[in-house]
Amino acid sequence: MRVDFDPRTTGRDDFYRLLTAVVVPRPIAWVSTVSATGTENLAPHSFFTIASVRPPMVQFTSVGRKDTLRNVEATGEFTVCLAPEPLFEQVNATGTDFPPEHGEFEAVGIEREPSLLVKPPRVAQSPVALECRLHTTVGLGDSTVVIGEVVHAAIDPEVLVDGHPEITRMRPLARLGRNEWATTGELREIARIPYAQWTRQD
């Protein structure tokens, strides 16, 4: 026997908490933007994934109209930085609802570095930065999906093994439900079975 939840009768916030508790773990896009007046914004977004491989695109969702969304719409650029475990408290702090004129880099004390092709800076201590130009936005209910083309990727050589980003060196954070976060934890590896090999097992 299961417990049933109807989104039509369950309150918006209650169903939001349910969704974020079961769609887990969620990678974090630590998105930096610059406002039309030059304020540098930095905020974590846990509705984040790859949208396309060729051309390379990533997407994140803004629930409501937040500074990040307004800045991306105004300038057409953003940078996604990996949220690493050692910066756990700083990542969380940039989720504070600072007024638009207060930049999170300064407020939280996060070191920045310039991006190569876009104006929004990178987080200097983040091992990975994806510089993006806006491709499109899609309004869905009370949220907006932001899709950006990755025009440059900058990766700390310390996290590369044979030229490939190594998960145990990047140490990305992930969001769970409520105020819960997750780290990489135990790793398991398994290769996909090609169909030709699968049929030979019959």
Protein backbone atom coordinates (compact mmCIF):
# COMPACT_ATOMS: atom_id res chain seq x y z
CA MET A 1 0.00 0.00 0.00
CA ARG A 2 1.34 3.43 -0.96
CA VAL A 3 0.51 6.92 0.28
CA ASP A 4 -0.99 9.03 -2.52
CA PHE A 5 -0.22 12.74 -3.07
CA ASP A 6 -2.32 14.71 -5.54
CA PRO A 7 -0.55 17.90 -6.74
CA ARG A 8 -3.95 19.46 -7.42
CA THR A 9 -4.94 19.28 -3.76
CA THR A 10 -1.54 19.31 -2.08
CA GLY A 11 -0.20 22.78 -1.34
CA ARG A 12 2.41 24.19 -3.71
CA ASP A 13 5.16 24.34 -1.07
CA ASP A 14 4.33 20.90 0.32
CA PHE A 15 4.53 19.32 -3.14
CA TYR A 16 7.76 21.24 -3.84
CA ARG A 17 9.27 19.72 -0.70
CA LEU A 18 8.08 16.29 -1.80
CA LEU A 19 9.63 16.63 -5.26
CA THR A 20 12.97 17.85 -3.95
CA ALA A 21 13.07 14.98 -1.45
CA VAL A 22 12.59 12.28 -4.08
CA VAL A 23 14.41 13.73 -7.11
CA VAL A 24 17.83 13.20 -5.55
CA PRO A 25 20.71 13.76 -5.56
CA ARG A 26 20.69 16.93 -7.64
CA PRO A 27 23.91 18.52 -8.95
CA ILE A 28 24.39 22.19 -8.21
CA ALA A 29 24.96 24.91 -10.78
CA TRP A 30 26.79 27.67 -8.92
CA VAL A 31 25.82 30.41 -11.36
CA SER A 32 27.58 33.75 -11.61
CA THR A 33 26.01 36.61 -13.53
CA VAL A 34 26.48 40.35 -13.91
CA SER A 35 23.54 42.75 -13.75
CA ALA A 36 22.93 45.47 -16.32
CA THR A 37 24.39 47.93 -13.81
CA GLY A 38 27.51 45.83 -13.13
CA THR A 39 26.67 44.01 -9.87
CA GLU A 40 28.19 40.52 -9.79
CA ASN A 41 25.73 37.89 -8.59
CA LEU A 42 26.47 34.32 -7.47
CA ALA A 43 23.79 31.80 -6.53
CA PRO A 44 23.33 28.01 -6.33
CA HIS A 45 20.66 26.33 -8.46
CA SER A 46 19.96 22.65 -7.85
CA PHE A 47 17.62 22.11 -10.81
CA PHE A 48 20.57 21.64 -13.19
CA THR A 49 21.60 19.27 -15.97
CA ILE A 50 23.02 18.90 -19.49
CA ALA A 51 20.62 19.99 -22.23
CA SER A 52 22.58 19.11 -25.39
CA VAL A 53 25.90 17.55 -26.36
CA ARG A 54 26.45 19.13 -29.79
CA PRO A 55 26.39 22.01 -29.47
CA PRO A 56 27.22 21.66 -25.77
CA MET A 57 24.44 23.17 -23.67
CA VAL A 58 23.51 23.15 -20.02
CA GLN A 59 20.28 24.16 -18.33
CA PHE A 60 19.17 25.29 -14.91
CA THR A 61 15.79 26.31 -13.59
CA SER A 62 14.99 29.49 -11.72
CA VAL A 63 12.03 28.97 -9.40
CA GLY A 64 10.46 32.41 -9.47
CA ARG A 65 12.14 35.51 -10.86
CA LYS A 66 15.46 35.74 -9.05
CA ASP A 67 18.50 37.95 -9.64
CA THR A 68 20.23 35.24 -11.68
CA LEU A 69 17.38 35.03 -14.17
CA ARG A 70 17.00 38.79 -14.50
CA ASN A 71 20.73 39.20 -15.09
CA VAL A 72 20.88 36.44 -17.71
CA GLU A 73 17.93 37.96 -19.55
CA ALA A 74 19.58 41.40 -19.46
CA THR A 75 23.09 40.38 -20.54
CA GLY A 76 22.78 36.98 -22.24
CA GLU A 77 25.71 35.47 -20.32
CA PHE A 78 26.41 33.34 -17.25
CA THR A 79 29.12 31.12 -15.81
CA VAL A 80 28.42 27.80 -14.08
CA CYS A 81 30.97 26.80 -11.47
CA LEU A 82 31.12 23.40 -9.80
CA ALA A 83 30.15 23.62 -6.13
CA PRO A 84 32.94 21.71 -4.33
CA GLU A 85 32.73 20.13 -0.91
CA PRO A 86 35.39 22.38 0.71
CA LEU A 87 33.21 25.43 -0.09
CA PHE A 88 30.06 23.93 1.41
CA GLU A 89 29.28 26.85 3.72
CA GLN A 90 30.04 29.48 1.08
CA VAL A 91 27.80 27.76 -1.48
CA ASN A 92 24.96 27.70 1.02
CA ALA A 93 25.55 31.34 2.00
CA THR A 94 25.21 32.52 -1.61
CA GLY A 95 21.65 31.18 -1.53
CA THR A 96 20.74 33.98 0.89
CA ASP A 97 18.17 36.40 -0.52
CA PHE A 98 20.51 39.38 -0.74
CA PRO A 99 19.03 42.51 -2.37
CA PRO A 100 19.90 42.80 -6.09
CA GLU A 101 22.45 45.57 -5.46
CA HIS A 102 24.45 43.37 -3.03
CA GLY A 103 26.96 41.13 -4.82
CA GLU A 104 27.45 37.72 -3.24
CA PHE A 105 31.16 37.58 -4.05
CA GLU A 106 31.79 40.48 -1.68
CA ALA A 107 29.07 39.66 0.85
CA VAL A 108 30.27 36.08 1.37
CA GLY A 109 33.96 36.75 0.77
CA ILE A 110 34.49 34.57 -2.30
CA GLU A 111 37.52 35.10 -4.50
CA ARG A 112 36.74 35.62 -8.17
CA GLU A 113 38.79 35.28 -11.34
CA PRO A 114 37.97 36.59 -14.82
CA SER A 115 36.29 34.36 -17.35
CA LEU A 116 37.82 34.05 -20.80
CA LEU A 117 34.86 34.66 -23.12
CA VAL A 118 32.03 36.02 -20.99
CA LYS A 119 31.74 38.83 -18.46
CA PRO A 120 30.47 36.92 -15.38
CA PRO A 121 33.52 35.87 -13.36
CA ARG A 122 34.47 32.41 -12.18
CA VAL A 123 34.77 31.29 -8.57
CA ALA A 124 38.56 31.10 -8.22
CA GLN A 125 38.48 28.11 -5.85
CA SER A 126 36.01 26.09 -7.91
CA PRO A 127 37.76 23.37 -9.93
CA VAL A 128 35.43 23.65 -12.94
CA ALA A 129 33.85 26.60 -14.73
CA LEU A 130 31.57 26.50 -17.78
CA GLU A 131 31.25 29.84 -19.53
CA CYS A 132 27.86 30.12 -21.22
CA ARG A 133 25.90 32.34 -23.56
CA LEU A 134 22.13 32.31 -23.35
CA HIS A 135 20.42 30.15 -25.96
CA THR A 136 16.83 30.36 -24.78
CA THR A 137 14.55 30.53 -21.79
CA VAL A 138 11.35 28.55 -21.37
CA GLY A 139 8.65 29.60 -18.94
CA LEU A 140 6.99 26.67 -17.17
CA GLY A 141 4.43 27.54 -14.52
CA ASP A 142 6.12 29.59 -11.78
CA SER A 143 9.60 28.70 -13.06
CA THR A 144 11.92 29.46 -15.97
CA VAL A 145 14.30 27.01 -17.60
CA VAL A 146 17.49 28.75 -18.72
CA ILE A 147 19.45 27.02 -21.48
CA GLY A 148 22.94 28.23 -22.29
CA GLU A 149 25.52 27.17 -24.85
CA VAL A 150 28.86 26.32 -23.26
CA VAL A 151 31.40 28.44 -25.13
CA HIS A 152 34.37 27.62 -22.90
CA ALA A 153 35.29 25.17 -20.15
CA ALA A 154 38.08 25.91 -17.67
CA ILE A 155 39.27 23.08 -15.41
CA ASP A 156 41.89 23.03 -12.68
CA PRO A 157 44.67 20.63 -13.76
CA GLU A 158 44.72 19.27 -10.21
CA VAL A 159 41.40 17.49 -10.82
CA LEU A 160 42.41 15.96 -14.17
CA VAL A 161 43.65 12.39 -14.48
CA ASP A 162 44.91 11.53 -17.98
CA GLY A 163 43.08 14.62 -19.21
CA HIS A 164 39.74 13.57 -17.71
CA PRO A 165 37.99 15.25 -14.74
CA GLU A 166 38.23 12.88 -11.76
CA ILE A 167 35.20 12.82 -9.46
CA THR A 168 37.19 12.13 -6.29
CA ARG A 169 39.29 15.22 -6.96
CA MET A 170 36.42 17.52 -7.91
CA ARG A 171 34.37 16.49 -4.85
CA PRO A 172 31.08 18.02 -5.99
CA LEU A 173 28.23 18.74 -3.61
CA ALA A 174 24.65 17.72 -4.34
CA ARG A 175 21.29 18.79 -2.92
CA LEU A 176 18.79 16.47 -1.32
CA GLY A 177 15.52 17.32 0.44
CA ARG A 178 14.92 19.89 3.17
CA ASN A 179 18.27 21.37 4.25
CA GLU A 180 20.14 18.18 3.39
CA TRP A 181 23.22 18.05 1.19
CA ALA A 182 25.29 15.13 -0.07
CA THR A 183 28.91 14.48 -0.95
CA THR A 184 30.24 11.95 -3.43
CA GLY A 185 30.36 9.06 -0.96
CA GLU A 186 31.01 5.50 -2.16
CA LEU A 187 31.67 5.09 -5.88
CA ARG A 188 30.57 2.11 -7.97
CA GLU A 189 31.52 1.38 -11.58
CA ILE A 190 29.78 -0.76 -14.15
CA ALA A 191 29.97 -0.73 -17.96
CA ARG A 192 26.90 -0.87 -20.16
CA ILE A 193 26.35 -4.23 -21.88
CA PRO A 194 26.22 -3.95 -25.71
CA TYR A 195 23.18 -5.63 -27.20
CA ALA A 196 25.37 -7.98 -29.28
CA GLN A 197 27.01 -9.20 -26.09
CA TRP A 198 23.67 -9.42 -24.31
CA THR A 199 22.21 -11.69 -26.99
CA ARG A 200 25.23 -14.00 -26.78
CA GLN A 201 24.32 -14.66 -23.15
CA ASP A 202 20.96 -16.22 -24.16
